[in-house]
């Protein structure tokens, strides 16, 4: 993506492909016989399953656009969709004005290509 003119700082106006909560890994109560590495991998696998459902509901065009985004996490235990999500997410601090709403991330078709080599 190349800008043909100066871009004013402001609101990102592209409709995102995904909006997902910032996933924290829960490692405080490991099942008996589990180590931290197993627990992290199980949680990454569950997130990947959720993303498979989410991406599966997209149009074919949007699925292709999502899958074509850069992936910098190919060898860390993340599945292919979670790897794309982790590489391309923009932080969204709050979706509503109410206090206590957690952080989210958005992946966009065009906007997520900004700052990629």
PDB file of N, CA and C in Angstrom:
ATOM      1  N   UNK A   1       0.855  -1.167   0.000  1.00  0.00           N
ATOM      2  CA  UNK A   1       0.000   0.000   0.000  1.00  0.00           C
ATOM      3  C   UNK A   1       0.895   1.221   0.000  1.00  0.00           C
ATOM      4  N   UNK A   2       0.610   2.161  -0.849  1.00  0.00           N
ATOM      5  CA  UNK A   2       1.361   3.404  -0.936  1.00  0.00           C
ATOM      6  C   UNK A   2       0.399   4.573  -0.873  1.00  0.00           C
ATOM      7  N   UNK A   3       0.761   5.611  -0.139  1.00  0.00           N
ATOM      8  CA  UNK A   3      -0.049   6.824  -0.081  1.00  0.00           C
ATOM      9  C   UNK A   3       0.356   7.726  -1.243  1.00  0.00           C
ATOM     10  N   UNK A   4      -0.631   8.257  -1.910  1.00  0.00           N
ATOM     11  CA  UNK A   4      -0.363   9.174  -3.023  1.00  0.00           C
ATOM     12  C   UNK A   4      -0.408  10.626  -2.575  1.00  0.00           C
ATOM     13  N   UNK A   5      -0.810  10.856  -1.308  1.00  0.00           N
ATOM     14  CA  UNK A   5      -0.826  12.196  -0.735  1.00  0.00           C
ATOM     15  C   UNK A   5      -0.738  12.066   0.785  1.00  0.00           C
ATOM     16  N   UNK A   6      -0.480  13.168   1.474  1.00  0.00           N
ATOM     17  CA  UNK A   6      -0.419  13.143   2.929  1.00  0.00           C
ATOM     18  C   UNK A   6      -1.747  12.676   3.486  1.00  0.00           C
ATOM     19  N   UNK A   7      -1.679  11.874   4.544  1.00  0.00           N
ATOM     20  CA  UNK A   7      -2.884  11.355   5.188  1.00  0.00           C
ATOM     21  C   UNK A   7      -3.033  12.046   6.528  1.00  0.00           C
ATOM     22  N   UNK A   8      -4.201  12.646   6.760  1.00  0.00           N
ATOM     23  CA  UNK A   8      -4.462  13.320   8.028  1.00  0.00           C
ATOM     24  C   UNK A   8      -4.609  12.279   9.124  1.00  0.00           C
ATOM     25  N   UNK A   9      -4.042  12.577  10.273  1.00  0.00           N
ATOM     26  CA  UNK A   9      -4.221  11.729  11.438  1.00  0.00           C
ATOM     27  C   UNK A   9      -5.687  11.778  11.828  1.00  0.00           C
ATOM     28  N   UNK A  10      -6.262  10.637  12.152  1.00  0.00           N
ATOM     29  CA  UNK A  10      -7.663  10.639  12.556  1.00  0.00           C
ATOM     30  C   UNK A  10      -8.200   9.243  12.732  1.00  0.00           C
ATOM     31  N   UNK A  11      -9.460   9.109  12.512  1.00  0.00           N
ATOM     32  CA  UNK A  11     -10.162   7.856  12.749  1.00  0.00           C
ATOM     33  C   UNK A  11      -9.976   6.919  11.569  1.00  0.00           C
ATOM     34  N   UNK A  12      -9.716   5.685  11.901  1.00  0.00           N
ATOM     35  CA  UNK A  12      -9.601   4.636  10.910  1.00  0.00           C
ATOM     36  C   UNK A  12     -11.023   4.266  10.488  1.00  0.00           C
ATOM     37  N   UNK A  13     -11.355   4.385   9.220  1.00  0.00           N
ATOM     38  CA  UNK A  13     -12.762   4.246   8.828  1.00  0.00           C
ATOM     39  C   UNK A  13     -13.065   2.982   8.044  1.00  0.00           C
ATOM     40  N   UNK A  14     -12.163   2.041   7.983  1.00  0.00           N
ATOM     41  CA  UNK A  14     -12.414   0.791   7.265  1.00  0.00           C
ATOM     42  C   UNK A  14     -13.151  -0.197   8.167  1.00  0.00           C
ATOM     43  N   UNK A  15     -14.129  -0.886   7.610  1.00  0.00           N
ATOM     44  CA  UNK A  15     -14.821  -1.923   8.377  1.00  0.00           C
ATOM     45  C   UNK A  15     -13.874  -3.106   8.547  1.00  0.00           C
ATOM     46  N   UNK A  16     -13.624  -3.544   9.788  1.00  0.00           N
ATOM     47  CA  UNK A  16     -12.651  -4.619   9.998  1.00  0.00           C
ATOM     48  C   UNK A  16     -13.177  -5.979   9.542  1.00  0.00           C
ATOM     49  N   UNK A  17     -12.243  -6.851   9.221  1.00  0.00           N
ATOM     50  CA  UNK A  17     -12.587  -8.241   8.917  1.00  0.00           C
ATOM     51  C   UNK A  17     -12.927  -8.984  10.200  1.00  0.00           C
ATOM     52  N   UNK A  18     -12.136  -8.727  11.251  1.00  0.00           N
ATOM     53  CA  UNK A  18     -12.402  -9.338  12.556  1.00  0.00           C
ATOM     54  C   UNK A  18     -12.260  -8.300  13.651  1.00  0.00           C
ATOM     55  N   UNK A  19     -13.024  -8.471  14.695  1.00  0.00           N
ATOM     56  CA  UNK A  19     -12.845  -7.745  15.950  1.00  0.00           C
ATOM     57  C   UNK A  19     -12.919  -8.811  17.027  1.00  0.00           C
ATOM     58  N   UNK A  20     -11.831  -8.962  17.765  1.00  0.00           N
ATOM     59  CA  UNK A  20     -11.759 -10.026  18.765  1.00  0.00           C
ATOM     60  C   UNK A  20     -11.221  -9.470  20.072  1.00  0.00           C
ATOM     61  N   UNK A  21     -11.636 -10.078  21.188  1.00  0.00           N
ATOM     62  CA  UNK A  21     -11.099  -9.614  22.472  1.00  0.00           C
ATOM     63  C   UNK A  21      -9.615  -9.912  22.565  1.00  0.00           C
ATOM     64  N   UNK A  22      -8.921  -9.074  23.303  1.00  0.00           N
ATOM     65  CA  UNK A  22      -7.508  -9.341  23.569  1.00  0.00           C
ATOM     66  C   UNK A  22      -7.460 -10.599  24.420  1.00  0.00           C
ATOM     67  N   UNK A  23      -6.855 -11.631  23.888  1.00  0.00           N
ATOM     68  CA  UNK A  23      -6.856 -12.927  24.565  1.00  0.00           C
ATOM     69  C   UNK A  23      -5.724 -12.990  25.577  1.00  0.00           C
ATOM     70  N   UNK A  24      -6.095 -13.231  26.806  1.00  0.00           N
ATOM     71  CA  UNK A  24      -5.093 -13.492  27.832  1.00  0.00           C
ATOM     72  C   UNK A  24      -5.055 -14.991  28.076  1.00  0.00           C
ATOM     73  N   UNK A  25      -3.900 -15.524  28.303  1.00  0.00           N
ATOM     74  CA  UNK A  25      -3.784 -16.941  28.598  1.00  0.00           C
ATOM     75  C   UNK A  25      -3.983 -17.140  30.092  1.00  0.00           C
ATOM     76  N   UNK A  26      -4.725 -18.174  30.440  1.00  0.00           N
ATOM     77  CA  UNK A  26      -5.053 -18.452  31.838  1.00  0.00           C
ATOM     78  C   UNK A  26      -4.191 -19.610  32.325  1.00  0.00           C
ATOM     79  N   UNK A  27      -3.187 -19.275  33.118  1.00  0.00           N
ATOM     80  CA  UNK A  27      -2.222 -20.281  33.545  1.00  0.00           C
ATOM     81  C   UNK A  27      -2.183 -20.447  35.058  1.00  0.00           C
ATOM     82  N   UNK A  28      -3.162 -19.859  35.755  1.00  0.00           N
ATOM     83  CA  UNK A  28      -3.121 -19.911  37.211  1.00  0.00           C
ATOM     84  C   UNK A  28      -3.549 -21.259  37.776  1.00  0.00           C
ATOM     85  N   UNK A  29      -4.406 -22.003  37.069  1.00  0.00           N
ATOM     86  CA  UNK A  29      -4.859 -23.308  37.555  1.00  0.00           C
ATOM     87  C   UNK A  29      -4.660 -24.343  36.453  1.00  0.00           C
ATOM     88  N   UNK A  30      -3.486 -24.957  36.432  1.00  0.00           N
ATOM     89  CA  UNK A  30      -3.192 -25.955  35.416  1.00  0.00           C
ATOM     90  C   UNK A  30      -3.815 -27.290  35.807  1.00  0.00           C
ATOM     91  N   UNK A  31      -4.397 -28.007  34.827  1.00  0.00           N
ATOM     92  CA  UNK A  31      -4.889 -29.356  35.130  1.00  0.00           C
ATOM     93  C   UNK A  31      -3.739 -30.233  35.625  1.00  0.00           C
ATOM     94  N   UNK A  32      -4.071 -31.214  36.436  1.00  0.00           N
ATOM     95  CA  UNK A  32      -3.061 -32.110  36.989  1.00  0.00           C
ATOM     96  C   UNK A  32      -2.285 -32.786  35.855  1.00  0.00           C
ATOM     97  N   UNK A  33      -0.978 -32.769  35.950  1.00  0.00           N
ATOM     98  CA  UNK A  33      -0.133 -33.396  34.950  1.00  0.00           C
ATOM     99  C   UNK A  33       0.220 -32.505  33.769  1.00  0.00           C
ATOM    100  N   UNK A  34      -0.346 -31.305  33.734  1.00  0.00           N
ATOM    101  CA  UNK A  34      -0.048 -30.359  32.647  1.00  0.00           C
ATOM    102  C   UNK A  34       1.138 -29.499  33.026  1.00  0.00           C
ATOM    103  N   UNK A  35       1.924 -29.147  32.038  1.00  0.00           N
ATOM    104  CA  UNK A  35       2.945 -28.138  32.276  1.00  0.00           C
ATOM    105  C   UNK A  35       2.502 -26.866  31.561  1.00  0.00           C
ATOM    106  N   UNK A  36       3.211 -25.782  31.771  1.00  0.00           N
ATOM    107  CA  UNK A  36       2.817 -24.484  31.207  1.00  0.00           C
ATOM    108  C   UNK A  36       2.811 -24.537  29.680  1.00  0.00           C
ATOM    109  N   UNK A  37       3.795 -25.196  29.100  1.00  0.00           N
ATOM    110  CA  UNK A  37       3.867 -25.284  27.633  1.00  0.00           C
ATOM    111  C   UNK A  37       2.627 -25.975  27.060  1.00  0.00           C
ATOM    112  N   UNK A  38       2.180 -27.066  27.694  1.00  0.00           N
ATOM    113  CA  UNK A  38       0.967 -27.763  27.238  1.00  0.00           C
ATOM    114  C   UNK A  38      -0.272 -26.879  27.381  1.00  0.00           C
ATOM    115  N   UNK A  39      -0.356 -26.179  28.494  1.00  0.00           N
ATOM    116  CA  UNK A  39      -1.518 -25.322  28.745  1.00  0.00           C
ATOM    117  C   UNK A  39      -1.579 -24.186  27.734  1.00  0.00           C
ATOM    118  N   UNK A  40      -0.448 -23.581  27.436  1.00  0.00           N
ATOM    119  CA  UNK A  40      -0.418 -22.498  26.442  1.00  0.00           C
ATOM    120  C   UNK A  40      -0.841 -23.029  25.087  1.00  0.00           C
ATOM    121  N   UNK A  41      -0.308 -24.198  24.686  1.00  0.00           N
ATOM    122  CA  UNK A  41      -0.649 -24.757  23.380  1.00  0.00           C
ATOM    123  C   UNK A  41      -2.131 -25.097  23.289  1.00  0.00           C
ATOM    124  N   UNK A  42      -2.709 -25.651  24.346  1.00  0.00           N
ATOM    125  CA  UNK A  42      -4.146 -25.954  24.343  1.00  0.00           C
ATOM    126  C   UNK A  42      -4.972 -24.690  24.162  1.00  0.00           C
ATOM    127  N   UNK A  43      -4.577 -23.615  24.822  1.00  0.00           N
ATOM    128  CA  UNK A  43      -5.321 -22.370  24.704  1.00  0.00           C
ATOM    129  C   UNK A  43      -5.161 -21.759  23.315  1.00  0.00           C
ATOM    130  N   UNK A  44      -3.962 -21.825  22.752  1.00  0.00           N
ATOM    131  CA  UNK A  44      -3.765 -21.348  21.383  1.00  0.00           C
ATOM    132  C   UNK A  44      -4.615 -22.154  20.404  1.00  0.00           C
ATOM    133  N   UNK A  45      -4.701 -23.460  20.615  1.00  0.00           N
ATOM    134  CA  UNK A  45      -5.521 -24.324  19.749  1.00  0.00           C
ATOM    135  C   UNK A  45      -7.003 -23.954  19.839  1.00  0.00           C
ATOM    136  N   UNK A  46      -7.482 -23.624  21.026  1.00  0.00           N
ATOM    137  CA  UNK A  46      -8.890 -23.228  21.201  1.00  0.00           C
ATOM    138  C   UNK A  46      -9.171 -21.907  20.499  1.00  0.00           C
ATOM    139  N   UNK A  47      -8.257 -20.963  20.610  1.00  0.00           N
ATOM    140  CA  UNK A  47      -8.429 -19.679  19.922  1.00  0.00           C
ATOM    141  C   UNK A  47      -8.450 -19.899  18.416  1.00  0.00           C
ATOM    142  N   UNK A  48      -7.581 -20.782  17.912  1.00  0.00           N
ATOM    143  CA  UNK A  48      -7.548 -21.095  16.481  1.00  0.00           C
ATOM    144  C   UNK A  48      -8.893 -21.657  16.017  1.00  0.00           C
ATOM    145  N   UNK A  49      -9.490 -22.543  16.816  1.00  0.00           N
ATOM    146  CA  UNK A  49     -10.810 -23.109  16.466  1.00  0.00           C
ATOM    147  C   UNK A  49     -11.870 -22.012  16.372  1.00  0.00           C
ATOM    148  N   UNK A  50     -11.837 -21.079  17.311  1.00  0.00           N
ATOM    149  CA  UNK A  50     -12.793 -19.967  17.278  1.00  0.00           C
ATOM    150  C   UNK A  50     -12.584 -19.112  16.025  1.00  0.00           C
ATOM    151  N   UNK A  51     -11.326 -18.859  15.668  1.00  0.00           N
ATOM    152  CA  UNK A  51     -11.042 -18.070  14.467  1.00  0.00           C
ATOM    153  C   UNK A  51     -11.466 -18.815  13.204  1.00  0.00           C
ATOM    154  N   UNK A  52     -11.344 -20.142  13.180  1.00  0.00           N
ATOM    155  CA  UNK A  52     -11.801 -20.921  12.028  1.00  0.00           C
ATOM    156  C   UNK A  52     -13.296 -20.702  11.806  1.00  0.00           C
ATOM    157  N   UNK A  53     -14.067 -20.696  12.883  1.00  0.00           N
ATOM    158  CA  UNK A  53     -15.511 -20.437  12.780  1.00  0.00           C
ATOM    159  C   UNK A  53     -15.765 -19.013  12.278  1.00  0.00           C
ATOM    160  N   UNK A  54     -15.058 -18.043  12.860  1.00  0.00           N
ATOM    161  CA  UNK A  54     -15.244 -16.638  12.504  1.00  0.00           C
ATOM    162  C   UNK A  54     -14.894 -16.387  11.043  1.00  0.00           C
ATOM    163  N   UNK A  55     -13.731 -16.831  10.627  1.00  0.00           N
ATOM    164  CA  UNK A  55     -13.302 -16.624   9.242  1.00  0.00           C
ATOM    165  C   UNK A  55     -14.200 -17.409   8.291  1.00  0.00           C
ATOM    166  N   UNK A  56     -14.680 -18.568   8.708  1.00  0.00           N
ATOM    167  CA  UNK A  56     -15.580 -19.367   7.884  1.00  0.00           C
ATOM    168  C   UNK A  56     -16.905 -18.682   7.585  1.00  0.00           C
ATOM    169  N   UNK A  57     -17.285 -17.705   8.400  1.00  0.00           N
ATOM    170  CA  UNK A  57     -18.538 -16.969   8.162  1.00  0.00           C
ATOM    171  C   UNK A  57     -18.356 -15.795   7.216  1.00  0.00           C
ATOM    172  N   UNK A  58     -17.104 -15.503   6.847  1.00  0.00           N
ATOM    173  CA  UNK A  58     -16.831 -14.386   5.934  1.00  0.00           C
ATOM    174  C   UNK A  58     -17.156 -14.785   4.498  1.00  0.00           C
ATOM    175  N   UNK A  59     -17.324 -13.775   3.655  1.00  0.00           N
ATOM    176  CA  UNK A  59     -17.467 -14.025   2.219  1.00  0.00           C
ATOM    177  C   UNK A  59     -16.164 -14.645   1.714  1.00  0.00           C
ATOM    178  N   UNK A  60     -16.234 -15.313   0.572  1.00  0.00           N
ATOM    179  CA  UNK A  60     -15.029 -15.912  -0.004  1.00  0.00           C
ATOM    180  C   UNK A  60     -13.956 -14.854  -0.232  1.00  0.00           C
ATOM    181  N   UNK A  61     -14.369 -13.680  -0.697  1.00  0.00           N
ATOM    182  CA  UNK A  61     -13.422 -12.587  -0.959  1.00  0.00           C
ATOM    183  C   UNK A  61     -12.726 -12.146   0.324  1.00  0.00           C
ATOM    184  N   UNK A  62     -13.499 -11.986   1.402  1.00  0.00           N
ATOM    185  CA  UNK A  62     -12.910 -11.556   2.668  1.00  0.00           C
ATOM    186  C   UNK A  62     -12.028 -12.651   3.272  1.00  0.00           C
ATOM    187  N   UNK A  63     -12.439 -13.912   3.129  1.00  0.00           N
ATOM    188  CA  UNK A  63     -11.588 -15.003   3.611  1.00  0.00           C
ATOM    189  C   UNK A  63     -10.238 -14.985   2.908  1.00  0.00           C
ATOM    190  N   UNK A  64     -10.259 -14.787   1.602  1.00  0.00           N
ATOM    191  CA  UNK A  64      -9.017 -14.756   0.836  1.00  0.00           C
ATOM    192  C   UNK A  64      -8.158 -13.562   1.264  1.00  0.00           C
ATOM    193  N   UNK A  65      -8.797 -12.414   1.466  1.00  0.00           N
ATOM    194  CA  UNK A  65      -8.069 -11.218   1.895  1.00  0.00           C
ATOM    195  C   UNK A  65      -7.429 -11.448   3.265  1.00  0.00           C
ATOM    196  N   UNK A  66      -8.166 -12.069   4.168  1.00  0.00           N
ATOM    197  CA  UNK A  66      -7.649 -12.361   5.509  1.00  0.00           C
ATOM    198  C   UNK A  66      -6.455 -13.312   5.430  1.00  0.00           C
ATOM    199  N   UNK A  67      -6.626 -14.400   4.700  1.00  0.00           N
ATOM    200  CA  UNK A  67      -5.573 -15.415   4.603  1.00  0.00           C
ATOM    201  C   UNK A  67      -4.337 -14.906   3.861  1.00  0.00           C
ATOM    202  N   UNK A  68      -4.492 -13.862   3.043  1.00  0.00           N
ATOM    203  CA  UNK A  68      -3.363 -13.291   2.308  1.00  0.00           C
ATOM    204  C   UNK A  68      -2.563 -12.271   3.114  1.00  0.00           C
ATOM    205  N   UNK A  69      -3.024 -11.931   4.322  1.00  0.00           N
ATOM    206  CA  UNK A  69      -2.290 -10.981   5.149  1.00  0.00           C
ATOM    207  C   UNK A  69      -0.991 -11.603   5.651  1.00  0.00           C
ATOM    208  N   UNK A  70      -0.052 -10.754   5.999  1.00  0.00           N
ATOM    209  CA  UNK A  70       1.266 -11.175   6.474  1.00  0.00           C
ATOM    210  C   UNK A  70       1.143 -12.052   7.714  1.00  0.00           C
ATOM    211  N   UNK A  71       2.074 -12.986   7.854  1.00  0.00           N
ATOM    212  CA  UNK A  71       2.083 -13.910   8.976  1.00  0.00           C
ATOM    213  C   UNK A  71       3.510 -14.000   9.519  1.00  0.00           C
ATOM    214  N   UNK A  72       3.744 -13.389  10.678  1.00  0.00           N
ATOM    215  CA  UNK A  72       5.061 -13.419  11.310  1.00  0.00           C
ATOM    216  C   UNK A  72       5.152 -14.412  12.462  1.00  0.00           C
ATOM    217  N   UNK A  73       4.150 -15.242  12.662  1.00  0.00           N
ATOM    218  CA  UNK A  73       4.127 -16.158  13.815  1.00  0.00           C
ATOM    219  C   UNK A  73       3.945 -17.611  13.358  1.00  0.00           C
ATOM    220  N   UNK A  74       4.687 -18.016  12.357  1.00  0.00           N
ATOM    221  CA  UNK A  74       4.507 -19.352  11.779  1.00  0.00           C
ATOM    222  C   UNK A  74       5.062 -20.480  12.640  1.00  0.00           C
ATOM    223  N   UNK A  75       5.965 -20.168  13.557  1.00  0.00           N
ATOM    224  CA  UNK A  75       6.652 -21.237  14.274  1.00  0.00           C
ATOM    225  C   UNK A  75       6.593 -21.075  15.794  1.00  0.00           C
ATOM    226  N   UNK A  76       5.508 -20.514  16.299  1.00  0.00           N
ATOM    227  CA  UNK A  76       5.432 -20.307  17.747  1.00  0.00           C
ATOM    228  C   UNK A  76       4.265 -21.041  18.396  1.00  0.00           C
ATOM    229  N   UNK A  77       3.665 -21.980  17.662  1.00  0.00           N
ATOM    230  CA  UNK A  77       2.552 -22.735  18.221  1.00  0.00           C
ATOM    231  C   UNK A  77       1.187 -22.174  17.875  1.00  0.00           C
ATOM    232  N   UNK A  78       1.148 -20.975  17.308  1.00  0.00           N
ATOM    233  CA  UNK A  78      -0.123 -20.417  16.854  1.00  0.00           C
ATOM    234  C   UNK A  78      -0.544 -21.141  15.583  1.00  0.00           C
ATOM    235  N   UNK A  79      -1.828 -21.331  15.403  1.00  0.00           N
ATOM    236  CA  UNK A  79      -2.317 -21.877  14.148  1.00  0.00           C
ATOM    237  C   UNK A  79      -2.239 -20.817  13.065  1.00  0.00           C
ATOM    238  N   UNK A  80      -2.543 -21.174  11.824  1.00  0.00           N
ATOM    239  CA  UNK A  80      -2.394 -20.219  10.729  1.00  0.00           C
ATOM    240  C   UNK A  80      -3.265 -18.968  10.862  1.00  0.00           C
ATOM    241  N   UNK A  81      -4.478 -19.107  11.349  1.00  0.00           N
ATOM    242  CA  UNK A  81      -5.351 -17.931  11.475  1.00  0.00           C
ATOM    243  C   UNK A  81      -4.958 -17.067  12.662  1.00  0.00           C
ATOM    244  N   UNK A  82      -4.632 -17.686  13.777  1.00  0.00           N
ATOM    245  CA  UNK A  82      -4.195 -16.920  14.936  1.00  0.00           C
ATOM    246  C   UNK A  82      -2.884 -16.210  14.638  1.00  0.00           C
ATOM    247  N   UNK A  83      -2.024 -16.830  13.877  1.00  0.00           N
ATOM    248  CA  UNK A  83      -0.765 -16.193  13.486  1.00  0.00           C
ATOM    249  C   UNK A  83      -1.027 -14.926  12.675  1.00  0.00           C
ATOM    250  N   UNK A  84      -1.966 -15.016  11.752  1.00  0.00           N
ATOM    251  CA  UNK A  84      -2.344 -13.837  10.957  1.00  0.00           C
ATOM    252  C   UNK A  84      -2.951 -12.771  11.865  1.00  0.00           C
ATOM    253  N   UNK A  85      -3.818 -13.185  12.755  1.00  0.00           N
ATOM    254  CA  UNK A  85      -4.459 -12.258  13.701  1.00  0.00           C
ATOM    255  C   UNK A  85      -3.396 -11.540  14.534  1.00  0.00           C
ATOM    256  N   UNK A  86      -2.458 -12.276  15.082  1.00  0.00           N
ATOM    257  CA  UNK A  86      -1.427 -11.696  15.941  1.00  0.00           C
ATOM    258  C   UNK A  86      -0.527 -10.737  15.172  1.00  0.00           C
ATOM    259  N   UNK A  87      -0.264 -11.023  13.924  1.00  0.00           N
ATOM    260  CA  UNK A  87       0.610 -10.184  13.116  1.00  0.00           C
ATOM    261  C   UNK A  87      -0.065  -8.883  12.715  1.00  0.00           C
ATOM    262  N   UNK A  88      -1.384  -8.891  12.512  1.00  0.00           N
ATOM    263  CA  UNK A  88      -2.072  -7.784  11.844  1.00  0.00           C
ATOM    264  C   UNK A  88      -3.071  -7.014  12.693  1.00  0.00           C
ATOM    265  N   UNK A  89      -3.203  -7.317  13.950  1.00  0.00           N
ATOM    266  CA  UNK A  89      -4.190  -6.658  14.806  1.00  0.00           C
ATOM    267  C   UNK A  89      -3.822  -5.224  15.128  1.00  0.00           C
ATOM    268  N   UNK A  90      -4.830  -4.398  15.130  1.00  0.00           N
ATOM    269  CA  UNK A  90      -4.728  -3.032  15.661  1.00  0.00           C
ATOM    270  C   UNK A  90      -5.484  -3.032  16.973  1.00  0.00           C
ATOM    271  N   UNK A  91      -4.921  -2.417  17.981  1.00  0.00           N
ATOM    272  CA  UNK A  91      -5.608  -2.331  19.254  1.00  0.00           C
ATOM    273  C   UNK A  91      -6.810  -1.412  19.180  1.00  0.00           C
ATOM    274  N   UNK A  92      -7.898  -1.855  19.775  1.00  0.00           N
ATOM    275  CA  UNK A  92      -9.120  -1.054  19.894  1.00  0.00           C
ATOM    276  C   UNK A  92      -9.380  -0.970  21.389  1.00  0.00           C
ATOM    277  N   UNK A  93      -9.129   0.180  21.963  1.00  0.00           N
ATOM    278  CA  UNK A  93      -9.170   0.306  23.419  1.00  0.00           C
ATOM    279  C   UNK A  93     -10.538  -0.030  24.003  1.00  0.00           C
ATOM    280  N   UNK A  94     -11.580   0.593  23.469  1.00  0.00           N
ATOM    281  CA  UNK A  94     -12.933   0.330  23.982  1.00  0.00           C
ATOM    282  C   UNK A  94     -13.905   0.377  22.824  1.00  0.00           C
ATOM    283  N   UNK A  95     -14.876  -0.490  22.864  1.00  0.00           N
ATOM    284  CA  UNK A  95     -15.909  -0.482  21.837  1.00  0.00           C
ATOM    285  C   UNK A  95     -17.119   0.324  22.271  1.00  0.00           C
ATOM    286  N   UNK A  96     -17.241   0.537  23.577  1.00  0.00           N
ATOM    287  CA  UNK A  96     -18.346   1.327  24.117  1.00  0.00           C
ATOM    288  C   UNK A  96     -17.783   2.301  25.139  1.00  0.00           C
ATOM    289  N   UNK A  97     -18.558   3.259  25.509  1.00  0.00           N
ATOM    290  CA  UNK A  97     -18.101   4.256  26.474  1.00  0.00           C
ATOM    291  C   UNK A  97     -18.188   3.776  27.913  1.00  0.00           C
ATOM    292  N   UNK A  98     -18.813   2.632  28.162  1.00  0.00           N
ATOM    293  CA  UNK A  98     -18.969   2.178  29.536  1.00  0.00           C
ATOM    294  C   UNK A  98     -17.628   1.734  30.119  1.00  0.00           C
ATOM    295  N   UNK A  99     -17.418   2.001  31.400  1.00  0.00           N
ATOM    296  CA  UNK A  99     -16.152   1.606  32.025  1.00  0.00           C
ATOM    297  C   UNK A  99     -16.075   0.082  32.160  1.00  0.00           C
ATOM    298  N   UNK A 100     -14.860  -0.424  32.209  1.00  0.00           N
ATOM    299  CA  UNK A 100     -14.669  -1.845  32.447  1.00  0.00           C
ATOM    300  C   UNK A 100     -14.706  -2.715  31.201  1.00  0.00           C
ATOM    301  N   UNK A 101     -14.936  -2.131  30.050  1.00  0.00           N
ATOM    302  CA  UNK A 101     -14.953  -2.919  28.826  1.00  0.00           C
ATOM    303  C   UNK A 101     -13.514  -3.215  28.448  1.00  0.00           C
ATOM    304  N   UNK A 102     -13.214  -4.476  28.190  1.00  0.00           N
ATOM    305  CA  UNK A 102     -11.848  -4.882  27.894  1.00  0.00           C
ATOM    306  C   UNK A 102     -11.362  -4.416  26.542  1.00  0.00           C
ATOM    307  N   UNK A 103     -10.101  -4.636  26.306  1.00  0.00           N
ATOM    308  CA  UNK A 103      -9.490  -4.260  25.037  1.00  0.00           C
ATOM    309  C   UNK A 103      -9.820  -5.278  23.955  1.00  0.00           C
ATOM    310  N   UNK A 104      -9.846  -4.795  22.732  1.00  0.00           N
ATOM    311  CA  UNK A 104     -10.125  -5.634  21.565  1.00  0.00           C
ATOM    312  C   UNK A 104      -9.075  -5.345  20.513  1.00  0.00           C
ATOM    313  N   UNK A 105      -9.038  -6.187  19.520  1.00  0.00           N
ATOM    314  CA  UNK A 105      -8.170  -5.968  18.376  1.00  0.00           C
ATOM    315  C   UNK A 105      -8.967  -6.129  17.101  1.00  0.00           C
ATOM    316  N   UNK A 106      -8.575  -5.397  16.079  1.00  0.00           N
ATOM    317  CA  UNK A 106      -9.257  -5.453  14.788  1.00  0.00           C
ATOM    318  C   UNK A 106      -8.238  -5.764  13.700  1.00  0.00           C
ATOM    319  N   UNK A 107      -8.638  -6.608  12.762  1.00  0.00           N
ATOM    320  CA  UNK A 107      -7.841  -6.890  11.572  1.00  0.00           C
ATOM    321  C   UNK A 107      -8.628  -6.362  10.386  1.00  0.00           C
ATOM    322  N   UNK A 108      -7.972  -5.560   9.556  1.00  0.00           N
ATOM    323  CA  UNK A 108      -8.635  -4.930   8.420  1.00  0.00           C
ATOM    324  C   UNK A 108      -8.016  -5.394   7.102  1.00  0.00           C
ATOM    325  N   UNK A 109      -8.824  -5.364   6.066  1.00  0.00           N
ATOM    326  CA  UNK A 109      -8.385  -5.807   4.752  1.00  0.00           C
ATOM    327  C   UNK A 109      -7.240  -4.949   4.223  1.00  0.00           C
ATOM    328  N   UNK A 110      -7.382  -3.636   4.301  1.00  0.00           N
ATOM    329  CA  UNK A 110      -6.342  -2.728   3.812  1.00  0.00           C
ATOM    330  C   UNK A 110      -5.483  -2.176   4.941  1.00  0.00           C
ATOM    331  N   UNK A 111      -6.112  -1.721   5.995  1.00  0.00           N
ATOM    332  CA  UNK A 111      -5.393  -1.084   7.087  1.00  0.00           C
ATOM    333  C   UNK A 111      -4.360  -1.964   7.734  1.00  0.00           C
ATOM    334  N   UNK A 112      -4.585  -3.270   7.754  1.00  0.00           N
ATOM    335  CA  UNK A 112      -3.623  -4.172   8.367  1.00  0.00           C
ATOM    336  C   UNK A 112      -2.369  -4.356   7.520  1.00  0.00           C
ATOM    337  N   UNK A 113      -2.387  -3.823   6.313  1.00  0.00           N
ATOM    338  CA  UNK A 113      -1.200  -3.891   5.452  1.00  0.00           C
ATOM    339  C   UNK A 113      -0.262  -2.706   5.688  1.00  0.00           C
ATOM    340  N   UNK A 114      -0.732  -1.721   6.429  1.00  0.00           N
ATOM    341  CA  UNK A 114       0.105  -0.555   6.736  1.00  0.00           C
ATOM    342  C   UNK A 114       1.232  -1.002   7.651  1.00  0.00           C
ATOM    343  N   UNK A 115       2.414  -0.490   7.404  1.00  0.00           N
ATOM    344  CA  UNK A 115       3.624  -0.780   8.169  1.00  0.00           C
ATOM    345  C   UNK A 115       4.213  -2.151   7.889  1.00  0.00           C
ATOM    346  N   UNK A 116       3.750  -2.834   6.885  1.00  0.00           N
ATOM    347  CA  UNK A 116       4.372  -4.094   6.490  1.00  0.00           C
ATOM    348  C   UNK A 116       5.413  -3.821   5.429  1.00  0.00           C
ATOM    349  N   UNK A 117       6.464  -4.617   5.459  1.00  0.00           N
ATOM    350  CA  UNK A 117       7.481  -4.484   4.427  1.00  0.00           C
ATOM    351  C   UNK A 117       6.999  -5.094   3.145  1.00  0.00           C
TER     352      UNK A 117
END
